[in-house]
Amino acid sequence: MIKRMTKHGNSLALVIEKGVLDLLGIDADTPLSITTDGRCLVVAPVRSRERQKRFRAALEEGNRRYGGMLKRLAQ
């Protein structure tokens, strides 16, 4: 997807379509983290530590239950 910046007062804004926002679970109140490596701009929603903790626990459980099978499938 190629986007152009939009003038917003003395600044520029990047307009993101609703479908992309819905996919990422972002709304007007979602805090965003903006980082760069000097060449690329990365905009990501800031997720709570509790959410990250639950995700890691679910990932570990999935690996525990299905890791062997997935490893065999990959071979």
N, C-alpha and C. Protein backbone atom coordinates (compact mmCIF):
# COMPACT_ATOMS: atom_id res chain seq x y z
N MET A 1 0.84 -1.16 0.00
CA MET A 1 0.00 0.00 0.00
C MET A 1 0.89 1.23 0.00
N ILE A 2 0.65 2.13 -0.89
CA ILE A 2 1.40 3.38 -0.97
C ILE A 2 0.50 4.50 -0.49
N LYS A 3 1.00 5.31 0.42
CA LYS A 3 0.23 6.41 1.01
C LYS A 3 0.97 7.72 0.81
N ARG A 4 0.23 8.80 0.85
CA ARG A 4 0.81 10.15 0.84
C ARG A 4 0.43 10.84 2.14
N MET A 5 1.29 11.72 2.58
CA MET A 5 1.03 12.49 3.78
C MET A 5 -0.01 13.57 3.46
N THR A 6 -0.78 13.94 4.49
CA THR A 6 -1.81 14.97 4.36
C THR A 6 -1.44 16.14 5.27
N LYS A 7 -1.57 17.35 4.76
CA LYS A 7 -1.27 18.54 5.56
C LYS A 7 -2.30 18.64 6.68
N HIS A 8 -1.81 18.87 7.91
CA HIS A 8 -2.67 18.99 9.09
C HIS A 8 -2.11 20.12 9.94
N GLY A 9 -2.59 21.33 9.70
CA GLY A 9 -2.02 22.51 10.37
C GLY A 9 -0.59 22.71 9.89
N ASN A 10 0.35 22.84 10.83
CA ASN A 10 1.77 22.97 10.49
C ASN A 10 2.48 21.63 10.42
N SER A 11 1.72 20.55 10.52
CA SER A 11 2.29 19.21 10.53
C SER A 11 1.79 18.41 9.33
N LEU A 12 2.25 17.18 9.23
CA LEU A 12 1.77 16.24 8.23
C LEU A 12 1.15 15.06 8.96
N ALA A 13 0.11 14.48 8.37
CA ALA A 13 -0.58 13.34 8.98
C ALA A 13 -0.63 12.20 7.99
N LEU A 14 -0.61 11.01 8.50
CA LEU A 14 -0.76 9.80 7.70
C LEU A 14 -2.15 9.24 8.01
N VAL A 15 -3.01 9.17 7.00
CA VAL A 15 -4.37 8.67 7.18
C VAL A 15 -4.35 7.16 6.95
N ILE A 16 -4.87 6.42 7.93
CA ILE A 16 -4.89 4.96 7.85
C ILE A 16 -6.35 4.52 7.73
N GLU A 17 -6.64 3.68 6.75
CA GLU A 17 -8.00 3.25 6.49
C GLU A 17 -8.56 2.43 7.66
N LYS A 18 -9.88 2.47 7.80
CA LYS A 18 -10.58 1.79 8.88
C LYS A 18 -10.31 0.29 8.88
N GLY A 19 -10.24 -0.34 7.71
CA GLY A 19 -9.98 -1.78 7.64
C GLY A 19 -8.66 -2.16 8.28
N VAL A 20 -7.64 -1.36 8.04
CA VAL A 20 -6.32 -1.61 8.63
C VAL A 20 -6.37 -1.38 10.14
N LEU A 21 -7.04 -0.31 10.55
CA LEU A 21 -7.18 -0.02 11.98
C LEU A 21 -7.92 -1.15 12.69
N ASP A 22 -9.00 -1.64 12.07
CA ASP A 22 -9.77 -2.75 12.66
C ASP A 22 -8.91 -4.01 12.76
N LEU A 23 -8.15 -4.29 11.73
CA LEU A 23 -7.28 -5.47 11.72
C LEU A 23 -6.28 -5.44 12.86
N LEU A 24 -5.74 -4.25 13.15
CA LEU A 24 -4.73 -4.10 14.20
C LEU A 24 -5.31 -3.81 15.57
N GLY A 25 -6.63 -3.60 15.62
CA GLY A 25 -7.26 -3.28 16.90
C GLY A 25 -6.90 -1.90 17.41
N ILE A 26 -6.78 -0.95 16.48
CA ILE A 26 -6.41 0.42 16.83
C ILE A 26 -7.64 1.32 16.68
N ASP A 27 -7.82 2.22 17.66
CA ASP A 27 -8.84 3.26 17.52
C ASP A 27 -8.21 4.59 17.92
N ALA A 28 -9.02 5.63 18.01
CA ALA A 28 -8.50 6.97 18.29
C ALA A 28 -7.83 7.06 19.67
N ASP A 29 -8.18 6.16 20.59
CA ASP A 29 -7.62 6.21 21.95
C ASP A 29 -6.43 5.29 22.16
N THR A 30 -6.04 4.52 21.13
CA THR A 30 -4.93 3.58 21.26
C THR A 30 -3.59 4.31 21.25
N PRO A 31 -2.76 4.14 22.29
CA PRO A 31 -1.43 4.74 22.24
C PRO A 31 -0.58 4.02 21.20
N LEU A 32 0.21 4.78 20.46
CA LEU A 32 1.04 4.22 19.40
C LEU A 32 2.51 4.47 19.70
N SER A 33 3.32 3.48 19.40
CA SER A 33 4.77 3.59 19.51
C SER A 33 5.31 3.88 18.11
N ILE A 34 6.13 4.93 17.99
CA ILE A 34 6.71 5.28 16.70
C ILE A 34 8.23 5.17 16.83
N THR A 35 8.82 4.30 16.02
CA THR A 35 10.26 4.10 16.04
C THR A 35 10.79 4.18 14.61
N THR A 36 12.09 4.33 14.51
CA THR A 36 12.73 4.36 13.20
C THR A 36 14.15 3.80 13.32
N ASP A 37 14.64 3.28 12.21
CA ASP A 37 16.03 2.86 12.14
C ASP A 37 16.84 3.83 11.30
N GLY A 38 16.24 4.97 10.99
CA GLY A 38 16.90 5.97 10.15
C GLY A 38 16.45 5.89 8.70
N ARG A 39 15.83 4.77 8.32
CA ARG A 39 15.34 4.60 6.95
C ARG A 39 13.85 4.29 6.91
N CYS A 40 13.37 3.58 7.92
CA CYS A 40 11.97 3.14 7.96
C CYS A 40 11.29 3.69 9.19
N LEU A 41 10.02 3.97 9.04
CA LEU A 41 9.19 4.41 10.16
C LEU A 41 8.28 3.25 10.54
N VAL A 42 8.27 2.90 11.83
CA VAL A 42 7.44 1.80 12.31
C VAL A 42 6.45 2.36 13.32
N VAL A 43 5.17 2.19 13.04
CA VAL A 43 4.10 2.64 13.93
C VAL A 43 3.39 1.38 14.42
N ALA A 44 3.36 1.18 15.73
CA ALA A 44 2.76 -0.03 16.30
C ALA A 44 1.94 0.34 17.53
N PRO A 45 0.83 -0.37 17.73
CA PRO A 45 0.06 -0.12 18.95
C PRO A 45 0.85 -0.56 20.17
N VAL A 46 0.74 0.21 21.25
CA VAL A 46 1.38 -0.15 22.50
C VAL A 46 0.45 -1.12 23.20
N ARG A 47 0.94 -2.30 23.51
CA ARG A 47 0.13 -3.33 24.15
C ARG A 47 0.49 -3.39 25.64
N SER A 48 -0.48 -3.68 26.43
CA SER A 48 -0.26 -3.75 27.87
C SER A 48 0.63 -4.94 28.22
N ARG A 49 1.30 -4.84 29.34
CA ARG A 49 2.16 -5.94 29.80
C ARG A 49 1.32 -7.18 30.08
N GLU A 50 0.12 -6.98 30.61
CA GLU A 50 -0.75 -8.13 30.90
C GLU A 50 -1.10 -8.87 29.62
N ARG A 51 -1.39 -8.13 28.56
CA ARG A 51 -1.72 -8.76 27.28
C ARG A 51 -0.52 -9.54 26.75
N GLN A 52 0.67 -8.95 26.84
CA GLN A 52 1.88 -9.63 26.38
C GLN A 52 2.12 -10.89 27.21
N LYS A 53 1.87 -10.81 28.51
CA LYS A 53 2.06 -11.96 29.39
C LYS A 53 1.11 -13.09 29.01
N ARG A 54 -0.16 -12.77 28.74
CA ARG A 54 -1.13 -13.78 28.33
C ARG A 54 -0.76 -14.39 26.98
N PHE A 55 -0.27 -13.55 26.05
CA PHE A 55 0.14 -14.06 24.74
C PHE A 55 1.30 -15.04 24.88
N ARG A 56 2.30 -14.67 25.66
CA ARG A 56 3.45 -15.55 25.84
C ARG A 56 3.05 -16.87 26.50
N ALA A 57 2.13 -16.80 27.46
CA ALA A 57 1.66 -18.02 28.12
C ALA A 57 0.93 -18.91 27.12
N ALA A 58 0.10 -18.32 26.26
CA ALA A 58 -0.62 -19.10 25.25
C ALA A 58 0.36 -19.70 24.24
N LEU A 59 1.38 -18.93 23.86
CA LEU A 59 2.38 -19.43 22.93
C LEU A 59 3.15 -20.60 23.53
N GLU A 60 3.54 -20.48 24.79
CA GLU A 60 4.26 -21.57 25.45
C GLU A 60 3.38 -22.82 25.55
N GLU A 61 2.09 -22.65 25.86
CA GLU A 61 1.17 -23.78 25.94
C GLU A 61 1.03 -24.45 24.58
N GLY A 62 0.90 -23.65 23.52
CA GLY A 62 0.82 -24.20 22.17
C GLY A 62 2.07 -24.97 21.79
N ASN A 63 3.22 -24.41 22.14
CA ASN A 63 4.49 -25.10 21.86
C ASN A 63 4.60 -26.40 22.65
N ARG A 64 4.15 -26.36 23.90
CA ARG A 64 4.20 -27.56 24.74
C ARG A 64 3.30 -28.65 24.16
N ARG A 65 2.11 -28.28 23.75
CA ARG A 65 1.15 -29.27 23.26
C ARG A 65 1.43 -29.74 21.84
N TYR A 66 1.85 -28.83 20.98
CA TYR A 66 1.95 -29.15 19.55
C TYR A 66 3.35 -29.01 18.97
N GLY A 67 4.33 -28.66 19.80
CA GLY A 67 5.68 -28.41 19.30
C GLY A 67 6.29 -29.60 18.57
N GLY A 68 6.15 -30.80 19.17
CA GLY A 68 6.71 -32.00 18.54
C GLY A 68 6.09 -32.27 17.18
N MET A 69 4.76 -32.16 17.11
CA MET A 69 4.06 -32.40 15.85
C MET A 69 4.49 -31.37 14.79
N LEU A 70 4.55 -30.11 15.19
CA LEU A 70 4.95 -29.07 14.24
C LEU A 70 6.38 -29.26 13.76
N LYS A 71 7.24 -29.71 14.65
CA LYS A 71 8.63 -29.97 14.27
C LYS A 71 8.70 -31.10 13.24
N ARG A 72 7.92 -32.17 13.47
CA ARG A 72 7.90 -33.28 12.52
C ARG A 72 7.34 -32.85 11.17
N LEU A 73 6.31 -32.00 11.18
CA LEU A 73 5.73 -31.50 9.94
C LEU A 73 6.71 -30.65 9.15
N ALA A 74 7.57 -29.94 9.86
CA ALA A 74 8.53 -29.06 9.22
C ALA A 74 9.66 -29.83 8.53
N GLN A 75 9.87 -31.07 8.93
CA GLN A 75 10.98 -31.85 8.36
C GLN A 75 10.66 -32.42 7.04
